[in-house]
Amino acid sequence: MHGDAGLAAARQATEIFFGAEIASLDDAALSEIFADVPSHEFARSTLDGDGLLLVEALKATGLAAGTTAARRTVEQGGAYVNNRRVTDVAHRLTVADLVGSSTLVLRSGKKSYAVARFA
């Protein structure tokens, strides 16, 4: 039993796993919600300038077996950044995509998640 705060956190986690957009959570909340989800750490500098290609992030996190599979996922509308669909294969992840100070959530299809951390 965790009281009202625990219930609210559980509801929020459920909404996120059912597709609610991830907008204003901090890194601690994301870590708690996605504790059992694979994660990958990137250098923070990859978000500078033009940013990191979404296709490369999908491949690096294991959400796609390779570049071709990642491109296909994006083109077919199965790629999500913070539960927002991305259909542009040239999409680049930047600091603006972060939720919290150093984290974003990638999804492939309906149920495959990965957390990308930038340190």
Protein backbone atom coordinates (compact mmCIF):
# COMPACT_ATOMS: atom_id res chain seq x y z
CA MET A 1 0.00 0.00 0.00
CA HIS A 2 1.52 3.29 -1.10
CA GLY A 3 -1.44 5.61 -0.64
CA ASP A 4 -2.73 8.18 -3.08
CA ALA A 5 0.72 8.99 -4.49
CA GLY A 6 1.36 5.33 -5.33
CA LEU A 7 -2.05 5.00 -6.95
CA ALA A 8 -1.47 8.11 -9.06
CA ALA A 9 1.94 6.82 -10.16
CA ALA A 10 0.45 3.44 -11.10
CA ARG A 11 -2.30 5.11 -13.13
CA GLN A 12 0.22 7.31 -14.92
CA ALA A 13 2.42 4.31 -15.75
CA THR A 14 -0.61 2.42 -17.10
CA GLU A 15 -1.62 5.38 -19.28
CA ILE A 16 1.90 5.64 -20.67
CA PHE A 17 2.06 1.94 -21.52
CA PHE A 18 -1.26 2.32 -23.33
CA GLY A 19 0.04 5.15 -25.50
CA ALA A 20 -0.36 8.38 -23.54
CA GLU A 21 2.21 10.95 -24.58
CA ILE A 22 5.16 11.25 -22.24
CA ALA A 23 5.59 14.92 -21.57
CA SER A 24 6.42 16.23 -18.13
CA LEU A 25 8.09 13.48 -16.14
CA ASP A 26 11.46 13.71 -14.49
CA ASP A 27 14.25 11.16 -14.89
CA ALA A 28 13.44 9.48 -11.57
CA ALA A 29 9.80 8.89 -12.54
CA LEU A 30 10.84 7.56 -15.95
CA SER A 31 13.35 5.21 -14.31
CA GLU A 32 10.65 3.90 -12.01
CA ILE A 33 8.03 3.43 -14.73
CA PHE A 34 10.48 1.85 -17.17
CA ALA A 35 12.56 -0.12 -14.66
CA ASP A 36 12.13 -3.40 -16.56
CA VAL A 37 12.64 -1.91 -20.02
CA PRO A 38 16.01 -2.22 -21.81
CA SER A 39 18.03 0.97 -21.83
CA HIS A 40 21.01 2.32 -23.70
CA GLU A 41 23.33 5.15 -22.76
CA PHE A 42 24.49 7.64 -25.36
CA ALA A 43 26.93 10.51 -25.08
CA ARG A 44 25.04 13.75 -24.47
CA SER A 45 27.02 15.30 -27.33
CA THR A 46 25.14 13.11 -29.85
CA LEU A 47 22.17 15.44 -29.38
CA ASP A 48 24.20 18.54 -30.27
CA GLY A 49 24.19 20.10 -33.71
CA ASP A 50 22.06 18.05 -36.09
CA GLY A 51 21.35 15.45 -33.40
CA LEU A 52 21.13 11.66 -33.49
CA LEU A 53 19.25 9.94 -36.28
CA LEU A 54 16.19 8.15 -34.90
CA VAL A 55 17.04 5.18 -37.11
CA GLU A 56 20.44 4.89 -35.39
CA ALA A 57 18.85 5.16 -31.94
CA LEU A 58 16.37 2.38 -32.76
CA LYS A 59 19.23 0.17 -33.88
CA ALA A 60 21.47 0.99 -30.90
CA THR A 61 18.73 0.30 -28.35
CA GLY A 62 17.86 -3.05 -29.92
CA LEU A 63 14.41 -2.00 -31.09
CA ALA A 64 15.51 -2.76 -34.65
CA ALA A 65 17.87 -5.47 -35.85
CA GLY A 66 19.62 -3.13 -38.24
CA THR A 67 19.40 0.10 -40.19
CA THR A 68 17.07 -1.34 -42.84
CA ALA A 69 14.66 -2.70 -40.22
CA ALA A 70 14.74 0.63 -38.37
CA ARG A 71 13.99 2.57 -41.55
CA ARG A 72 11.11 0.23 -42.34
CA THR A 73 9.70 0.66 -38.83
CA VAL A 74 9.74 4.45 -39.18
CA GLU A 75 8.32 4.43 -42.72
CA GLN A 76 5.46 2.14 -41.69
CA GLY A 77 4.50 4.37 -38.74
CA GLY A 78 5.73 2.06 -36.00
CA ALA A 79 8.36 4.32 -34.44
CA TYR A 80 7.60 6.54 -31.46
CA VAL A 81 9.58 9.06 -29.45
CA ASN A 82 8.01 9.64 -26.03
CA ASN A 83 4.87 7.94 -27.42
CA ARG A 84 4.62 10.42 -30.31
CA ARG A 85 4.64 8.75 -33.72
CA VAL A 86 7.51 9.69 -36.03
CA THR A 87 7.24 8.84 -39.74
CA ASP A 88 10.18 10.78 -41.14
CA VAL A 89 13.24 8.51 -41.60
CA ALA A 90 15.44 11.61 -41.50
CA HIS A 91 14.15 12.59 -38.02
CA ARG A 92 16.97 13.49 -35.65
CA LEU A 93 16.76 13.40 -31.87
CA THR A 94 17.84 16.60 -30.15
CA VAL A 95 17.79 18.07 -26.66
CA ALA A 96 14.20 19.18 -27.38
CA ASP A 97 13.13 15.50 -27.43
CA LEU A 98 14.32 14.82 -23.90
CA VAL A 99 11.81 14.18 -21.15
CA GLY A 100 13.40 15.11 -17.89
CA SER A 101 16.98 16.25 -18.06
CA SER A 102 18.62 13.30 -19.81
CA THR A 103 16.09 10.66 -20.86
CA LEU A 104 13.73 9.84 -23.69
CA VAL A 105 11.59 6.82 -24.42
CA LEU A 106 11.61 5.01 -27.74
CA ARG A 107 8.94 2.58 -28.86
CA SER A 108 8.68 0.25 -31.80
CA GLY A 109 5.22 -1.05 -32.57
CA LYS A 110 2.68 -1.35 -29.79
CA LYS A 111 4.69 -2.94 -26.99
CA SER A 112 8.46 -2.74 -27.53
CA TYR A 113 10.04 -0.01 -25.44
CA ALA A 114 13.60 1.16 -24.78
CA VAL A 115 14.91 4.01 -22.69
CA ALA A 116 17.65 6.20 -24.13
CA ARG A 117 19.78 8.02 -21.57
CA PHE A 118 22.13 10.82 -22.51
CA ALA A 119 25.01 11.51 -20.13
